[in-house]
Amino acid sequence: MRATAVLAARLEELSRRGLLPCSDPLLAAHHLAGLVMWMPRNLLTFCPDASFTTRELEQLLESAVRAFLAAYGTP
């Protein structure tokens, strides 16, 4: 929860600066965290021996951020 609160604070700051429209920073933080963590966590839940290369994790992260920005848009 602490990490989500810190992320929410950063998103709120971006919103205040007019860089990211975000009326509920805590909800947005949960959305972003979920997008980032869902695929690796889900795979590891069902395939505990699975592993990821650094590049695969980077690609998942980039994809999650693109999806988040597509949903939240720009001002």
PDB file of N, CA and C in Angstrom:
ATOM      1  N   MET A   1       0.820  -1.198   0.000  1.00  0.00           N
ATOM      2  CA  MET A   1       0.000   0.000   0.000  1.00  0.00           C
ATOM      3  C   MET A   1       0.865   1.262   0.000  1.00  0.00           C
ATOM      4  N   ARG A   2       2.025   1.177   0.653  1.00  0.00           N
ATOM      5  CA  ARG A   2       2.902   2.352   0.689  1.00  0.00           C
ATOM      6  C   ARG A   2       3.363   2.745  -0.715  1.00  0.00           C
ATOM      7  N   ALA A   3       3.757   1.761  -1.508  1.00  0.00           N
ATOM      8  CA  ALA A   3       4.204   2.054  -2.871  1.00  0.00           C
ATOM      9  C   ALA A   3       3.078   2.678  -3.690  1.00  0.00           C
ATOM     10  N   THR A   4       1.865   2.179  -3.521  1.00  0.00           N
ATOM     11  CA  THR A   4       0.722   2.742  -4.251  1.00  0.00           C
ATOM     12  C   THR A   4       0.465   4.172  -3.818  1.00  0.00           C
ATOM     13  N   ALA A   5       0.601   4.455  -2.536  1.00  0.00           N
ATOM     14  CA  ALA A   5       0.412   5.826  -2.035  1.00  0.00           C
ATOM     15  C   ALA A   5       1.468   6.762  -2.600  1.00  0.00           C
ATOM     16  N   VAL A   6       2.700   6.286  -2.690  1.00  0.00           N
ATOM     17  CA  VAL A   6       3.773   7.111  -3.262  1.00  0.00           C
ATOM     18  C   VAL A   6       3.495   7.370  -4.737  1.00  0.00           C
ATOM     19  N   LEU A   7       3.087   6.326  -5.459  1.00  0.00           N
ATOM     20  CA  LEU A   7       2.746   6.485  -6.872  1.00  0.00           C
ATOM     21  C   LEU A   7       1.580   7.451  -7.029  1.00  0.00           C
ATOM     22  N   ALA A   8       0.570   7.333  -6.188  1.00  0.00           N
ATOM     23  CA  ALA A   8      -0.583   8.240  -6.246  1.00  0.00           C
ATOM     24  C   ALA A   8      -0.145   9.684  -6.032  1.00  0.00           C
ATOM     25  N   ALA A   9       0.779   9.905  -5.126  1.00  0.00           N
ATOM     26  CA  ALA A   9       1.280  11.263  -4.873  1.00  0.00           C
ATOM     27  C   ALA A   9       1.973  11.815  -6.111  1.00  0.00           C
ATOM     28  N   ARG A  10       2.734  10.982  -6.807  1.00  0.00           N
ATOM     29  CA  ARG A  10       3.421  11.431  -8.028  1.00  0.00           C
ATOM     30  C   ARG A  10       2.398  11.738  -9.124  1.00  0.00           C
ATOM     31  N   LEU A  11       1.384  10.885  -9.250  1.00  0.00           N
ATOM     32  CA  LEU A  11       0.352  11.124 -10.260  1.00  0.00           C
ATOM     33  C   LEU A  11      -0.436  12.389  -9.946  1.00  0.00           C
ATOM     34  N   GLU A  12      -0.691  12.624  -8.660  1.00  0.00           N
ATOM     35  CA  GLU A  12      -1.382  13.849  -8.255  1.00  0.00           C
ATOM     36  C   GLU A  12      -0.549  15.080  -8.621  1.00  0.00           C
ATOM     37  N   GLU A  13       0.749  14.995  -8.420  1.00  0.00           N
ATOM     38  CA  GLU A  13       1.644  16.097  -8.784  1.00  0.00           C
ATOM     39  C   GLU A  13       1.612  16.346 -10.294  1.00  0.00           C
ATOM     40  N   LEU A  14       1.645  15.286 -11.082  1.00  0.00           N
ATOM     41  CA  LEU A  14       1.554  15.441 -12.538  1.00  0.00           C
ATOM     42  C   LEU A  14       0.227  16.073 -12.931  1.00  0.00           C
ATOM     43  N   SER A  15      -0.835  15.683 -12.251  1.00  0.00           N
ATOM     44  CA  SER A  15      -2.147  16.253 -12.530  1.00  0.00           C
ATOM     45  C   SER A  15      -2.180  17.737 -12.177  1.00  0.00           C
ATOM     46  N   ARG A  16      -1.624  18.075 -11.028  1.00  0.00           N
ATOM     47  CA  ARG A  16      -1.581  19.488 -10.604  1.00  0.00           C
ATOM     48  C   ARG A  16      -0.807  20.350 -11.592  1.00  0.00           C
ATOM     49  N   ARG A  17       0.229  19.772 -12.168  1.00  0.00           N
ATOM     50  CA  ARG A  17       1.058  20.499 -13.132  1.00  0.00           C
ATOM     51  C   ARG A  17       0.433  20.516 -14.526  1.00  0.00           C
ATOM     52  N   GLY A  18      -0.713  19.874 -14.674  1.00  0.00           N
ATOM     53  CA  GLY A  18      -1.413  19.856 -15.952  1.00  0.00           C
ATOM     54  C   GLY A  18      -0.818  18.887 -16.965  1.00  0.00           C
ATOM     55  N   LEU A  19      -0.038  17.921 -16.504  1.00  0.00           N
ATOM     56  CA  LEU A  19       0.629  16.989 -17.407  1.00  0.00           C
ATOM     57  C   LEU A  19      -0.126  15.677 -17.591  1.00  0.00           C
ATOM     58  N   LEU A  20      -1.039  15.368 -16.665  1.00  0.00           N
ATOM     59  CA  LEU A  20      -1.792  14.116 -16.739  1.00  0.00           C
ATOM     60  C   LEU A  20      -3.148  14.330 -16.081  1.00  0.00           C
ATOM     61  N   PRO A  21      -4.228  14.272 -16.873  1.00  0.00           N
ATOM     62  CA  PRO A  21      -5.538  14.444 -16.256  1.00  0.00           C
ATOM     63  C   PRO A  21      -5.843  13.257 -15.337  1.00  0.00           C
ATOM     64  N   CYS A  22      -6.095  13.553 -14.086  1.00  0.00           N
ATOM     65  CA  CYS A  22      -6.263  12.476 -13.117  1.00  0.00           C
ATOM     66  C   CYS A  22      -7.106  12.997 -11.952  1.00  0.00           C
ATOM     67  N   SER A  23      -8.383  12.663 -11.937  1.00  0.00           N
ATOM     68  CA  SER A  23      -9.257  13.162 -10.875  1.00  0.00           C
ATOM     69  C   SER A  23      -9.165  12.318  -9.607  1.00  0.00           C
ATOM     70  N   ASP A  24      -8.676  11.085  -9.729  1.00  0.00           N
ATOM     71  CA  ASP A  24      -8.540  10.196  -8.569  1.00  0.00           C
ATOM     72  C   ASP A  24      -7.161   9.525  -8.632  1.00  0.00           C
ATOM     73  N   PRO A  25      -6.142  10.201  -8.099  1.00  0.00           N
ATOM     74  CA  PRO A  25      -4.779   9.681  -8.208  1.00  0.00           C
ATOM     75  C   PRO A  25      -4.582   8.302  -7.586  1.00  0.00           C
ATOM     76  N   LEU A  26      -5.275   8.005  -6.499  1.00  0.00           N
ATOM     77  CA  LEU A  26      -5.110   6.692  -5.882  1.00  0.00           C
ATOM     78  C   LEU A  26      -5.656   5.593  -6.794  1.00  0.00           C
ATOM     79  N   LEU A  27      -6.805   5.817  -7.381  1.00  0.00           N
ATOM     80  CA  LEU A  27      -7.359   4.839  -8.324  1.00  0.00           C
ATOM     81  C   LEU A  27      -6.436   4.686  -9.526  1.00  0.00           C
ATOM     82  N   ALA A  28      -5.929   5.798 -10.042  1.00  0.00           N
ATOM     83  CA  ALA A  28      -5.001   5.742 -11.176  1.00  0.00           C
ATOM     84  C   ALA A  28      -3.744   4.962 -10.804  1.00  0.00           C
ATOM     85  N   ALA A  29      -3.252   5.145  -9.588  1.00  0.00           N
ATOM     86  CA  ALA A  29      -2.076   4.404  -9.131  1.00  0.00           C
ATOM     87  C   ALA A  29      -2.364   2.906  -9.098  1.00  0.00           C
ATOM     88  N   HIS A  30      -3.547   2.529  -8.641  1.00  0.00           N
ATOM     89  CA  HIS A  30      -3.921   1.113  -8.641  1.00  0.00           C
ATOM     90  C   HIS A  30      -4.013   0.576 -10.066  1.00  0.00           C
ATOM     91  N   HIS A  31      -4.567   1.385 -10.972  1.00  0.00           N
ATOM     92  CA  HIS A  31      -4.650   0.963 -12.371  1.00  0.00           C
ATOM     93  C   HIS A  31      -3.253   0.724 -12.940  1.00  0.00           C
ATOM     94  N   LEU A  32      -2.358   1.678 -12.738  1.00  0.00           N
ATOM     95  CA  LEU A  32      -1.013   1.549 -13.285  1.00  0.00           C
ATOM     96  C   LEU A  32      -0.281   0.355 -12.671  1.00  0.00           C
ATOM     97  N   ALA A  33      -0.362   0.210 -11.375  1.00  0.00           N
ATOM     98  CA  ALA A  33       0.298  -0.925 -10.708  1.00  0.00           C
ATOM     99  C   ALA A  33      -0.263  -2.248 -11.218  1.00  0.00           C
ATOM    100  N   GLY A  34      -1.567  -2.306 -11.403  1.00  0.00           N
ATOM    101  CA  GLY A  34      -2.176  -3.536 -11.913  1.00  0.00           C
ATOM    102  C   GLY A  34      -1.707  -3.862 -13.316  1.00  0.00           C
ATOM    103  N   LEU A  35      -1.632  -2.854 -14.169  1.00  0.00           N
ATOM    104  CA  LEU A  35      -1.152  -3.077 -15.533  1.00  0.00           C
ATOM    105  C   LEU A  35       0.293  -3.560 -15.547  1.00  0.00           C
ATOM    106  N   VAL A  36       1.101  -2.997 -14.669  1.00  0.00           N
ATOM    107  CA  VAL A  36       2.519  -3.357 -14.622  1.00  0.00           C
ATOM    108  C   VAL A  36       2.716  -4.774 -14.089  1.00  0.00           C
ATOM    109  N   MET A  37       1.959  -5.141 -13.080  1.00  0.00           N
ATOM    110  CA  MET A  37       2.234  -6.397 -12.379  1.00  0.00           C
ATOM    111  C   MET A  37       1.382  -7.582 -12.807  1.00  0.00           C
ATOM    112  N   TRP A  38       0.282  -7.353 -13.502  1.00  0.00           N
ATOM    113  CA  TRP A  38      -0.656  -8.441 -13.766  1.00  0.00           C
ATOM    114  C   TRP A  38      -0.022  -9.616 -14.509  1.00  0.00           C
ATOM    115  N   MET A  39       0.568  -9.386 -15.644  1.00  0.00           N
ATOM    116  CA  MET A  39       1.058 -10.505 -16.449  1.00  0.00           C
ATOM    117  C   MET A  39       2.166 -11.298 -15.753  1.00  0.00           C
ATOM    118  N   PRO A  40       3.207 -10.659 -15.235  1.00  0.00           N
ATOM    119  CA  PRO A  40       4.237 -11.467 -14.557  1.00  0.00           C
ATOM    120  C   PRO A  40       3.692 -12.212 -13.341  1.00  0.00           C
ATOM    121  N   ARG A  41       2.895 -11.534 -12.541  1.00  0.00           N
ATOM    122  CA  ARG A  41       2.352 -12.173 -11.331  1.00  0.00           C
ATOM    123  C   ARG A  41       1.417 -13.324 -11.694  1.00  0.00           C
ATOM    124  N   ASN A  42       0.574 -13.125 -12.676  1.00  0.00           N
ATOM    125  CA  ASN A  42      -0.364 -14.162 -13.093  1.00  0.00           C
ATOM    126  C   ASN A  42       0.388 -15.389 -13.612  1.00  0.00           C
ATOM    127  N   LEU A  43       1.373 -15.169 -14.453  1.00  0.00           N
ATOM    128  CA  LEU A  43       2.141 -16.292 -14.985  1.00  0.00           C
ATOM    129  C   LEU A  43       2.860 -17.039 -13.863  1.00  0.00           C
ATOM    130  N   LEU A  44       3.458 -16.304 -12.937  1.00  0.00           N
ATOM    131  CA  LEU A  44       4.174 -16.957 -11.841  1.00  0.00           C
ATOM    132  C   LEU A  44       3.232 -17.689 -10.888  1.00  0.00           C
ATOM    133  N   THR A  45       2.000 -17.231 -10.798  1.00  0.00           N
ATOM    134  CA  THR A  45       1.012 -17.922  -9.965  1.00  0.00           C
ATOM    135  C   THR A  45       0.723 -19.311 -10.518  1.00  0.00           C
ATOM    136  N   PHE A  46       0.578 -19.398 -11.843  1.00  0.00           N
ATOM    137  CA  PHE A  46       0.203 -20.659 -12.458  1.00  0.00           C
ATOM    138  C   PHE A  46       1.395 -21.469 -12.978  1.00  0.00           C
ATOM    139  N   CYS A  47       2.521 -20.812 -13.145  1.00  0.00           N
ATOM    140  CA  CYS A  47       3.744 -21.484 -13.609  1.00  0.00           C
ATOM    141  C   CYS A  47       4.906 -21.005 -12.741  1.00  0.00           C
ATOM    142  N   PRO A  48       5.016 -21.517 -11.529  1.00  0.00           N
ATOM    143  CA  PRO A  48       6.018 -21.009 -10.589  1.00  0.00           C
ATOM    144  C   PRO A  48       7.458 -21.094 -11.080  1.00  0.00           C
ATOM    145  N   ASP A  49       7.720 -21.940 -12.055  1.00  0.00           N
ATOM    146  CA  ASP A  49       9.078 -22.069 -12.584  1.00  0.00           C
ATOM    147  C   ASP A  49       9.362 -21.092 -13.728  1.00  0.00           C
ATOM    148  N   ALA A  50       8.382 -20.296 -14.095  1.00  0.00           N
ATOM    149  CA  ALA A  50       8.564 -19.345 -15.194  1.00  0.00           C
ATOM    150  C   ALA A  50       9.598 -18.301 -14.802  1.00  0.00           C
ATOM    151  N   SER A  51      10.226 -17.750 -15.814  1.00  0.00           N
ATOM    152  CA  SER A  51      11.175 -16.666 -15.563  1.00  0.00           C
ATOM    153  C   SER A  51      11.085 -15.673 -16.712  1.00  0.00           C
ATOM    154  N   PHE A  52      11.604 -14.499 -16.471  1.00  0.00           N
ATOM    155  CA  PHE A  52      11.557 -13.425 -17.459  1.00  0.00           C
ATOM    156  C   PHE A  52      12.953 -12.870 -17.651  1.00  0.00           C
ATOM    157  N   THR A  53      13.265 -12.542 -18.879  1.00  0.00           N
ATOM    158  CA  THR A  53      14.512 -11.823 -19.119  1.00  0.00           C
ATOM    159  C   THR A  53      14.269 -10.354 -18.784  1.00  0.00           C
ATOM    160  N   THR A  54      15.337  -9.631 -18.623  1.00  0.00           N
ATOM    161  CA  THR A  54      15.216  -8.190 -18.373  1.00  0.00           C
ATOM    162  C   THR A  54      14.469  -7.535 -19.520  1.00  0.00           C
ATOM    163  N   ARG A  55      14.771  -7.922 -20.732  1.00  0.00           N
ATOM    164  CA  ARG A  55      14.113  -7.329 -21.903  1.00  0.00           C
ATOM    165  C   ARG A  55      12.623  -7.632 -21.901  1.00  0.00           C
ATOM    166  N   GLU A  56      12.232  -8.839 -21.548  1.00  0.00           N
ATOM    167  CA  GLU A  56      10.804  -9.177 -21.490  1.00  0.00           C
ATOM    168  C   GLU A  56      10.087  -8.321 -20.453  1.00  0.00           C
ATOM    169  N   LEU A  57      10.699  -8.136 -19.305  1.00  0.00           N
ATOM    170  CA  LEU A  57      10.091  -7.287 -18.278  1.00  0.00           C
ATOM    171  C   LEU A  57      10.008  -5.840 -18.736  1.00  0.00           C
ATOM    172  N   GLU A  58      11.031  -5.369 -19.425  1.00  0.00           N
ATOM    173  CA  GLU A  58      11.002  -4.002 -19.963  1.00  0.00           C
ATOM    174  C   GLU A  58       9.867  -3.844 -20.969  1.00  0.00           C
ATOM    175  N   GLN A  59       9.687  -4.843 -21.821  1.00  0.00           N
ATOM    176  CA  GLN A  59       8.607  -4.780 -22.808  1.00  0.00           C
ATOM    177  C   GLN A  59       7.236  -4.777 -22.131  1.00  0.00           C
ATOM    178  N   LEU A  60       7.071  -5.586 -21.092  1.00  0.00           N
ATOM    179  CA  LEU A  60       5.808  -5.587 -20.353  1.00  0.00           C
ATOM    180  C   LEU A  60       5.566  -4.242 -19.701  1.00  0.00           C
ATOM    181  N   LEU A  61       6.599  -3.666 -19.127  1.00  0.00           N
ATOM    182  CA  LEU A  61       6.474  -2.362 -18.485  1.00  0.00           C
ATOM    183  C   LEU A  61       6.110  -1.283 -19.504  1.00  0.00           C
ATOM    184  N   GLU A  62       6.801  -1.259 -20.618  1.00  0.00           N
ATOM    185  CA  GLU A  62       6.508  -0.268 -21.654  1.00  0.00           C
ATOM    186  C   GLU A  62       5.077  -0.403 -22.157  1.00  0.00           C
ATOM    187  N   SER A  63       4.633  -1.627 -22.346  1.00  0.00           N
ATOM    188  CA  SER A  63       3.273  -1.870 -22.806  1.00  0.00           C
ATOM    189  C   SER A  63       2.251  -1.399 -21.770  1.00  0.00           C
ATOM    190  N   ALA A  64       2.528  -1.660 -20.505  1.00  0.00           N
ATOM    191  CA  ALA A  64       1.623  -1.233 -19.433  1.00  0.00           C
ATOM    192  C   ALA A  64       1.525   0.286 -19.380  1.00  0.00           C
ATOM    193  N   VAL A  65       2.639   0.956 -19.521  1.00  0.00           N
ATOM    194  CA  VAL A  65       2.636   2.421 -19.481  1.00  0.00           C
ATOM    195  C   VAL A  65       1.886   2.976 -20.694  1.00  0.00           C
ATOM    196  N   ARG A  66       2.084   2.379 -21.863  1.00  0.00           N
ATOM    197  CA  ARG A  66       1.334   2.824 -23.055  1.00  0.00           C
ATOM    198  C   ARG A  66      -0.176   2.666 -22.839  1.00  0.00           C
ATOM    199  N   ALA A  67      -0.586   1.533 -22.275  1.00  0.00           N
ATOM    200  CA  ALA A  67      -2.012   1.298 -22.013  1.00  0.00           C
ATOM    201  C   ALA A  67      -2.545   2.310 -21.007  1.00  0.00           C
ATOM    202  N   PHE A  68      -1.778   2.572 -19.959  1.00  0.00           N
ATOM    203  CA  PHE A  68      -2.179   3.551 -18.940  1.00  0.00           C
ATOM    204  C   PHE A  68      -2.359   4.927 -19.559  1.00  0.00           C
ATOM    205  N   LEU A  69      -1.387   5.349 -20.368  1.00  0.00           N
ATOM    206  CA  LEU A  69      -1.478   6.674 -20.991  1.00  0.00           C
ATOM    207  C   LEU A  69      -2.609   6.742 -22.008  1.00  0.00           C
ATOM    208  N   ALA A  70      -2.892   5.633 -22.675  1.00  0.00           N
ATOM    209  CA  ALA A  70      -4.025   5.615 -23.601  1.00  0.00           C
ATOM    210  C   ALA A  70      -5.337   5.785 -22.848  1.00  0.00           C
ATOM    211  N   ALA A  71      -5.424   5.204 -21.666  1.00  0.00           N
ATOM    212  CA  ALA A  71      -6.651   5.302 -20.871  1.00  0.00           C
ATOM    213  C   ALA A  71      -6.795   6.677 -20.232  1.00  0.00           C
ATOM    214  N   TYR A  72      -5.714   7.224 -19.722  1.00  0.00           N
ATOM    215  CA  TYR A  72      -5.785   8.491 -19.008  1.00  0.00           C
ATOM    216  C   TYR A  72      -5.552   9.691 -19.923  1.00  0.00           C
ATOM    217  N   GLY A  73      -4.968   9.444 -21.070  1.00  0.00           N
ATOM    218  CA  GLY A  73      -4.799  10.500 -22.045  1.00  0.00           C
ATOM    219  C   GLY A  73      -3.868  11.602 -21.588  1.00  0.00           C
ATOM    220  N   THR A  74      -3.864  12.635 -22.380  1.00  0.00           N
ATOM    221  CA  THR A  74      -3.066  13.814 -22.064  1.00  0.00           C
ATOM    222  C   THR A  74      -3.989  15.005 -22.001  1.00  0.00           C
ATOM    223  N   PRO A  75      -3.559  16.030 -21.295  1.00  0.00           N
ATOM    224  CA  PRO A  75      -4.434  17.216 -21.162  1.00  0.00           C
ATOM    225  C   PRO A  75      -4.685  17.898 -22.492  1.00  0.00           C
TER     226      PRO A  75
END
